[in-house]
Amino acid sequence: MSEFWSNRSVVVTGGNGFLGRVVVARLADLGARVVAPTHDEYDLTIPGAADAMLAAYSPTHVIHLAARVGGIGYNQVAPAPLYLDNLMMGTHIIEATRAAGTEKTILLGTVCSYPKLTPVPFKEESLWDGYPEETNAPYGIAKKAHLIHAQVNAIQYGQKFAYLIPTNLYGPGDKFHESVSHVIPALIKKCIEAKETGADHIDVWGTGSASREYLYVEDAAAAIVRAAESHEGTEPINLGSDSEITIRETAETIASVVGYTGTLQWDATKPDGQPRRRIDATRAEQLLGWKAAMNFRDGLTTTVDWYLANRAAAEAAPR
């Protein structure tokens, strides 16, 4: 239990999702009164829905995690709702919390907001130095707009925020449906199915040369809760694991964890996405006293175990 949270209430948008469930559980363990309204209850893309939600629950804190997300394939076929829905949800939350006098609003940005050719490791001051990688741009730009909104509201109205930028998340509870899955769940599903059917190879998008940095969902939730409790400011804060790995190495590690011994065939006609991705998490350590703890292979093992135990739920189509 935390003395800080014992007399506070929190609304977590997206609190029934992959990251949201972990954040909700952590807050509840700390003694907060926490609610996670569903999309069916409050469609935050609609004007007035966020205001109605806050009127119903009167939270001291709002943690905005609700988002429309997907992998490269989804980004290519649905860029318009990726931009508009994400822009509107965050915009309405920021204005509703301002009007309601909410104590603090915690916003989640995305590593997709960084320019396509950002110097590695990505530092927060590079956020505005260029256009994002094209398949990520609609989502990334919508999230950057929330940062500007928070900054101007803080200046003009004294509204309190924390703005966090996690790198690629993974872990138990991830989305494994092919229409929205990111690289780790997509590769886990492919490797397990290939092992079960005896397939001698699997096809993997891209060349495998692009790199990524992965953050275990429990580590991300710990940082979010800590920022909600102890940080106030509108400077963006990177959240990462301080470890860069290529997509090829990612796929090979997943195959090893799963026990799949077939061949990985790379399809270079498919996009790699951003060439390199690794963030500098120094600011998070300095301002939040936070550092990621989960080893990548151990995190993969717990994710694979969860998937095997929850396949129907994991593979459910998005609503």
Protein backbone atom coordinates (compact mmCIF):
# COMPACT_ATOMS: atom_id res chain seq x y z
CA MET A 1 0.00 0.00 0.00
CA SER A 2 1.10 3.58 -0.68
CA GLU A 3 0.13 6.48 1.53
CA PHE A 4 0.10 8.68 -1.58
CA TRP A 5 -2.53 6.60 -3.39
CA SER A 6 -4.70 5.74 -0.39
CA ASN A 7 -6.84 8.86 -0.76
CA ARG A 8 -6.71 9.23 -4.55
CA SER A 9 -8.81 7.93 -7.41
CA VAL A 10 -7.61 7.17 -10.92
CA VAL A 11 -9.30 6.74 -14.28
CA VAL A 12 -7.19 4.66 -16.64
CA THR A 13 -8.37 4.95 -20.24
CA GLY A 14 -7.46 1.81 -22.13
CA GLY A 15 -7.35 0.13 -18.74
CA ASN A 16 -8.71 -3.12 -20.16
CA GLY A 17 -5.94 -3.36 -22.74
CA PHE A 18 -2.47 -4.88 -22.81
CA LEU A 19 -0.61 -2.21 -20.82
CA GLY A 20 -3.70 -0.84 -19.07
CA ARG A 21 -4.49 -4.03 -17.14
CA VAL A 22 -1.01 -4.05 -15.64
CA VAL A 23 -1.22 -0.37 -14.67
CA VAL A 24 -4.67 -0.87 -13.12
CA ALA A 25 -3.47 -3.85 -11.08
CA ARG A 26 -0.39 -1.98 -9.84
CA LEU A 27 -2.46 1.04 -8.78
CA ALA A 28 -4.99 -1.17 -6.99
CA ASP A 29 -2.16 -2.90 -5.12
CA LEU A 30 -0.94 0.53 -3.99
CA GLY A 31 -4.36 1.38 -2.56
CA ALA A 32 -5.76 3.70 -5.24
CA ARG A 33 -9.41 3.70 -6.15
CA VAL A 34 -9.05 2.86 -9.82
CA VAL A 35 -11.58 2.45 -12.63
CA ALA A 36 -11.07 1.44 -16.24
CA PRO A 37 -14.08 2.50 -18.32
CA THR A 38 -14.58 0.63 -21.59
CA HIS A 39 -14.85 1.98 -25.12
CA ASP A 40 -18.50 0.92 -25.16
CA GLU A 41 -19.17 3.07 -22.10
CA TYR A 42 -17.24 6.13 -23.30
CA ASP A 43 -16.10 6.49 -26.90
CA LEU A 44 -13.41 9.11 -26.36
CA THR A 45 -13.32 10.06 -30.04
CA ILE A 46 -16.78 11.63 -29.59
CA PRO A 47 -16.96 15.20 -28.19
CA GLY A 48 -18.35 15.22 -24.65
CA ALA A 49 -17.62 11.57 -23.84
CA ALA A 50 -14.46 12.36 -21.87
CA ASP A 51 -16.29 15.10 -19.92
CA ALA A 52 -19.09 12.67 -19.06
CA MET A 53 -16.58 10.06 -17.92
CA LEU A 54 -14.84 12.48 -15.56
CA ALA A 55 -18.16 13.72 -14.22
CA ALA A 56 -19.11 10.14 -13.40
CA TYR A 57 -15.90 9.26 -11.54
CA SER A 58 -14.32 12.57 -10.37
CA PRO A 59 -10.76 11.20 -10.41
CA THR A 60 -7.74 12.97 -8.97
CA HIS A 61 -5.59 11.45 -11.75
CA VAL A 62 -6.21 10.37 -15.33
CA ILE A 63 -3.79 8.02 -17.07
CA HIS A 64 -4.53 8.08 -20.79
CA LEU A 65 -3.50 4.78 -22.37
CA ALA A 66 -6.39 4.25 -24.80
CA ALA A 67 -5.15 4.14 -28.39
CA ARG A 68 -5.78 2.66 -31.79
CA VAL A 69 -2.61 0.76 -32.65
CA GLY A 70 -1.23 -1.95 -34.93
CA GLY A 71 1.83 -3.24 -36.69
CA ILE A 72 3.27 -2.16 -40.04
CA GLY A 73 0.57 -3.95 -42.04
CA TYR A 74 -2.25 -2.26 -40.14
CA ASN A 75 -0.49 1.10 -40.37
CA GLN A 76 -0.43 0.76 -44.16
CA VAL A 77 -4.11 -0.10 -44.62
CA ALA A 78 -5.67 2.17 -41.96
CA PRO A 79 -3.61 5.36 -41.64
CA ALA A 80 -6.63 7.69 -41.44
CA PRO A 81 -8.23 6.29 -38.25
CA LEU A 82 -4.77 5.83 -36.75
CA TYR A 83 -4.30 9.57 -37.04
CA LEU A 84 -7.78 10.88 -36.35
CA ASP A 85 -8.92 8.54 -33.58
CA ASN A 86 -5.70 8.90 -31.62
CA LEU A 87 -5.64 12.67 -32.09
CA MET A 88 -9.24 13.05 -30.94
CA MET A 89 -8.99 10.76 -27.92
CA GLY A 90 -6.00 12.60 -26.48
CA THR A 91 -7.34 16.04 -27.35
CA HIS A 92 -10.66 15.35 -25.63
CA ILE A 93 -8.95 13.88 -22.54
CA ILE A 94 -6.65 16.88 -22.15
CA GLU A 95 -9.48 19.37 -22.42
CA ALA A 96 -11.82 17.36 -20.18
CA THR A 97 -9.21 17.09 -17.41
CA ARG A 98 -8.51 20.82 -17.71
CA ALA A 99 -12.20 21.67 -17.38
CA ALA A 100 -12.67 19.24 -14.48
CA GLY A 101 -9.63 20.49 -12.56
CA THR A 102 -8.07 17.02 -12.46
CA GLU A 103 -4.95 16.97 -10.26
CA LYS A 104 -2.70 15.39 -12.91
CA THR A 105 -2.99 13.90 -16.39
CA ILE A 106 -0.49 11.28 -17.56
CA LEU A 107 -0.11 10.97 -21.33
CA LEU A 108 1.58 8.19 -23.24
CA GLY A 109 3.46 9.13 -26.38
CA THR A 110 5.11 6.74 -28.81
CA VAL A 111 8.60 6.03 -30.08
CA CYS A 112 6.97 6.16 -33.54
CA SER A 113 6.97 9.96 -33.17
CA TYR A 114 10.73 10.21 -33.59
CA PRO A 115 12.15 11.20 -36.99
CA LYS A 116 12.92 8.35 -39.38
CA LEU A 117 16.67 8.95 -39.23
CA THR A 118 17.10 10.03 -35.62
CA PRO A 119 20.65 9.62 -34.24
CA VAL A 120 20.82 6.53 -32.03
CA PRO A 121 20.16 6.40 -29.13
CA PHE A 122 17.10 8.63 -29.48
CA LYS A 123 17.22 11.60 -27.12
CA GLU A 124 14.09 13.56 -26.28
CA GLU A 125 15.50 16.76 -27.77
CA SER A 126 15.56 15.04 -31.22
CA LEU A 127 11.78 14.58 -31.27
CA TRP A 128 11.16 17.53 -33.62
CA ASP A 129 14.19 17.13 -35.89
CA GLY A 130 12.40 15.49 -38.84
CA TYR A 131 9.44 13.53 -40.19
CA PRO A 132 8.68 10.08 -38.71
CA GLU A 133 9.10 6.84 -40.66
CA GLU A 134 6.24 6.92 -43.16
CA THR A 135 4.27 3.87 -41.99
CA ASN A 136 4.40 5.19 -38.40
CA ALA A 137 3.78 8.87 -39.13
CA PRO A 138 -0.03 9.16 -38.73
CA TYR A 139 0.06 7.62 -35.26
CA GLY A 140 3.30 9.29 -34.25
CA ILE A 141 2.24 12.79 -35.28
CA ALA A 142 -1.12 12.49 -33.51
CA LYS A 143 0.73 11.63 -30.30
CA LYS A 144 3.16 14.53 -30.73
CA ALA A 145 0.18 16.88 -31.00
CA HIS A 146 -0.81 15.85 -27.47
CA LEU A 147 2.59 16.92 -26.20
CA ILE A 148 2.10 20.41 -27.65
CA HIS A 149 -1.42 20.54 -26.22
CA ALA A 150 -0.10 19.62 -22.78
CA GLN A 151 2.69 22.20 -22.98
CA VAL A 152 0.44 25.11 -23.94
CA ASN A 153 -2.19 24.14 -21.36
CA ALA A 154 0.47 23.94 -18.66
CA ILE A 155 1.70 27.42 -19.59
CA GLN A 156 -1.70 29.07 -19.91
CA TYR A 157 -3.78 27.21 -17.32
CA GLY A 158 -1.25 25.63 -14.96
CA GLN A 159 -2.50 22.18 -15.86
CA LYS A 160 -0.29 19.36 -14.52
CA PHE A 161 1.03 16.56 -16.74
CA ALA A 162 3.55 13.83 -17.23
CA TYR A 163 4.35 12.75 -20.81
CA LEU A 164 6.08 9.39 -21.32
CA ILE A 165 7.46 7.79 -24.51
CA PRO A 166 7.84 4.01 -24.20
CA THR A 167 9.69 1.99 -26.78
CA ASN A 168 8.15 -1.20 -28.25
CA LEU A 169 6.22 -3.03 -25.50
CA TYR A 170 5.88 -6.79 -25.13
CA GLY A 171 4.79 -9.26 -22.49
CA PRO A 172 1.84 -11.33 -21.26
CA GLY A 173 -1.49 -9.94 -22.43
CA ASP A 174 -0.18 -8.70 -25.79
CA LYS A 175 -2.33 -8.77 -28.95
CA PHE A 176 -1.72 -11.75 -31.21
CA HIS A 177 -4.39 -11.21 -33.88
CA GLU A 178 -2.62 -10.81 -37.21
CA SER A 179 -4.41 -7.57 -38.08
CA VAL A 180 -2.92 -5.62 -35.15
CA SER A 181 -0.01 -7.64 -33.71
CA HIS A 182 3.43 -6.10 -33.46
CA VAL A 183 6.66 -7.90 -34.24
CA ILE A 184 7.10 -10.00 -31.07
CA PRO A 185 3.58 -11.49 -30.81
CA ALA A 186 3.46 -11.95 -34.58
CA LEU A 187 6.72 -13.92 -34.55
CA ILE A 188 5.75 -15.93 -31.46
CA LYS A 189 2.50 -17.00 -33.15
CA LYS A 190 4.28 -17.90 -36.40
CA CYS A 191 6.97 -19.94 -34.69
CA ILE A 192 4.53 -21.86 -32.47
CA GLU A 193 2.19 -22.65 -35.36
CA ALA A 194 5.11 -23.75 -37.56
CA LYS A 195 6.41 -25.99 -34.77
CA GLU A 196 2.97 -27.53 -34.28
CA THR A 197 2.41 -28.19 -38.00
CA GLY A 198 5.96 -29.33 -38.70
CA ALA A 199 6.55 -26.55 -41.25
CA ASP A 200 10.15 -26.42 -42.43
CA HIS A 201 10.20 -22.61 -42.69
CA ILE A 202 8.36 -19.42 -41.80
CA ASP A 203 8.19 -16.20 -43.81
CA VAL A 204 9.26 -13.02 -42.05
CA TRP A 205 8.71 -9.47 -43.30
CA GLY A 206 11.67 -7.32 -44.33
CA THR A 207 15.39 -8.00 -44.39
CA GLY A 208 15.83 -8.47 -40.65
CA SER A 209 18.42 -5.70 -40.53
CA ALA A 210 16.26 -3.09 -38.78
CA SER A 211 16.78 -2.84 -35.04
CA ARG A 212 14.38 -2.38 -32.18
CA GLU A 213 14.39 -1.90 -28.42
CA TYR A 214 11.79 -3.77 -26.42
CA LEU A 215 10.33 -2.88 -23.02
CA TYR A 216 8.58 -5.44 -20.83
CA VAL A 217 5.04 -4.41 -19.97
CA GLU A 218 5.54 -4.65 -16.19
CA ASP A 219 8.55 -2.33 -16.41
CA ALA A 220 6.52 0.20 -18.42
CA ALA A 221 3.65 0.08 -15.92
CA ALA A 222 6.04 0.72 -13.02
CA ALA A 223 7.36 3.84 -14.75
CA ILE A 224 3.87 5.14 -15.52
CA VAL A 225 2.67 4.75 -11.94
CA ARG A 226 5.85 6.34 -10.61
CA ALA A 227 5.41 9.33 -12.94
CA ALA A 228 1.79 9.69 -11.87
CA GLU A 229 2.85 9.74 -8.25
CA SER A 230 6.00 11.83 -8.25
CA HIS A 231 6.61 13.70 -11.51
CA GLU A 232 5.14 16.90 -12.87
CA GLY A 233 6.27 18.46 -16.15
CA THR A 234 5.70 18.60 -19.88
CA GLU A 235 9.13 17.53 -21.05
CA PRO A 236 8.89 14.14 -22.82
CA ILE A 237 10.48 11.22 -20.95
CA ASN A 238 11.75 8.15 -22.81
CA LEU A 239 11.12 4.70 -21.34
CA GLY A 240 13.36 1.90 -22.61
CA SER A 241 15.46 -1.11 -21.70
CA ASP A 242 18.85 0.18 -22.86
CA SER A 243 19.21 -2.76 -25.27
CA GLU A 244 19.09 -2.70 -29.09
CA ILE A 245 18.50 -5.89 -31.09
CA THR A 246 17.89 -6.50 -34.80
CA ILE A 247 14.64 -7.98 -36.07
CA ARG A 248 16.67 -10.97 -37.29
CA GLU A 249 18.10 -11.53 -33.79
CA THR A 250 14.61 -11.03 -32.35
CA ALA A 251 13.17 -13.72 -34.61
CA GLU A 252 16.04 -16.11 -33.89
CA THR A 253 15.67 -15.64 -30.13
CA ILE A 254 11.90 -16.22 -30.31
CA ALA A 255 12.43 -19.38 -32.38
CA SER A 256 14.91 -20.61 -29.77
CA VAL A 257 12.56 -19.90 -26.86
CA VAL A 258 9.65 -21.60 -28.65
CA GLY A 259 11.80 -24.54 -29.74
CA TYR A 260 11.23 -24.06 -33.47
CA THR A 261 14.15 -25.37 -35.52
CA GLY A 262 13.00 -24.58 -39.07
CA THR A 263 14.31 -21.89 -41.41
CA LEU A 264 13.47 -18.18 -41.24
CA GLN A 265 12.91 -16.88 -44.78
CA TRP A 266 13.11 -13.10 -45.09
CA ASP A 267 10.86 -11.28 -47.58
CA ALA A 268 12.78 -8.18 -48.64
CA THR A 269 9.79 -6.92 -50.66
CA LYS A 270 8.06 -6.10 -47.35
CA PRO A 271 8.96 -2.95 -45.39
CA ASP A 272 11.49 -2.96 -42.55
CA GLY A 273 10.00 0.12 -40.91
CA GLN A 274 12.32 2.52 -39.11
CA PRO A 275 15.96 1.46 -39.74
CA ARG A 276 17.11 1.68 -36.11
CA ARG A 277 15.33 2.22 -32.84
CA ARG A 278 16.93 2.62 -29.46
CA ILE A 279 16.19 5.34 -26.95
CA ASP A 280 18.21 7.09 -24.29
CA ALA A 281 16.39 6.53 -20.98
CA THR A 282 18.70 8.72 -18.91
CA ARG A 283 15.98 11.28 -18.24
CA ALA A 284 13.66 8.62 -16.81
CA GLU A 285 16.36 7.48 -14.43
CA GLN A 286 17.12 11.05 -13.37
CA LEU A 287 13.54 12.32 -12.99
CA LEU A 288 11.69 9.15 -11.98
CA GLY A 289 14.40 7.04 -10.40
CA TRP A 290 13.28 4.29 -12.77
CA LYS A 291 15.19 1.68 -14.75
CA ALA A 292 13.91 -1.35 -16.67
CA ALA A 293 14.55 -4.66 -14.90
CA MET A 294 13.39 -7.53 -17.14
CA ASN A 295 15.92 -9.56 -19.14
CA PHE A 296 14.75 -9.93 -22.77
CA ARG A 297 14.92 -13.72 -23.00
CA ASP A 298 13.18 -14.13 -19.64
CA GLY A 299 10.49 -11.71 -20.74
CA LEU A 300 9.98 -13.65 -23.96
CA THR A 301 9.65 -16.88 -22.01
CA THR A 302 6.88 -15.49 -19.79
CA THR A 303 5.15 -14.08 -22.88
CA VAL A 304 5.26 -17.42 -24.72
CA ASP A 305 3.96 -19.23 -21.64
CA TRP A 306 1.06 -16.77 -21.32
CA TYR A 307 0.18 -17.09 -25.00
CA LEU A 308 0.12 -20.90 -24.86
CA ALA A 309 -2.19 -20.75 -21.84
CA ASN A 310 -4.51 -18.06 -23.29
CA ARG A 311 -4.55 -18.57 -27.06
CA ALA A 312 -8.22 -17.87 -27.70
CA ALA A 313 -8.15 -14.57 -25.84
CA ALA A 314 -4.76 -13.62 -27.25
CA GLU A 315 -5.87 -14.19 -30.85
CA ALA A 316 -9.26 -12.49 -30.53
CA ALA A 317 -10.02 -10.04 -33.33
CA PRO A 318 -9.93 -6.36 -32.34
CA ARG A 319 -13.30 -4.70 -31.85
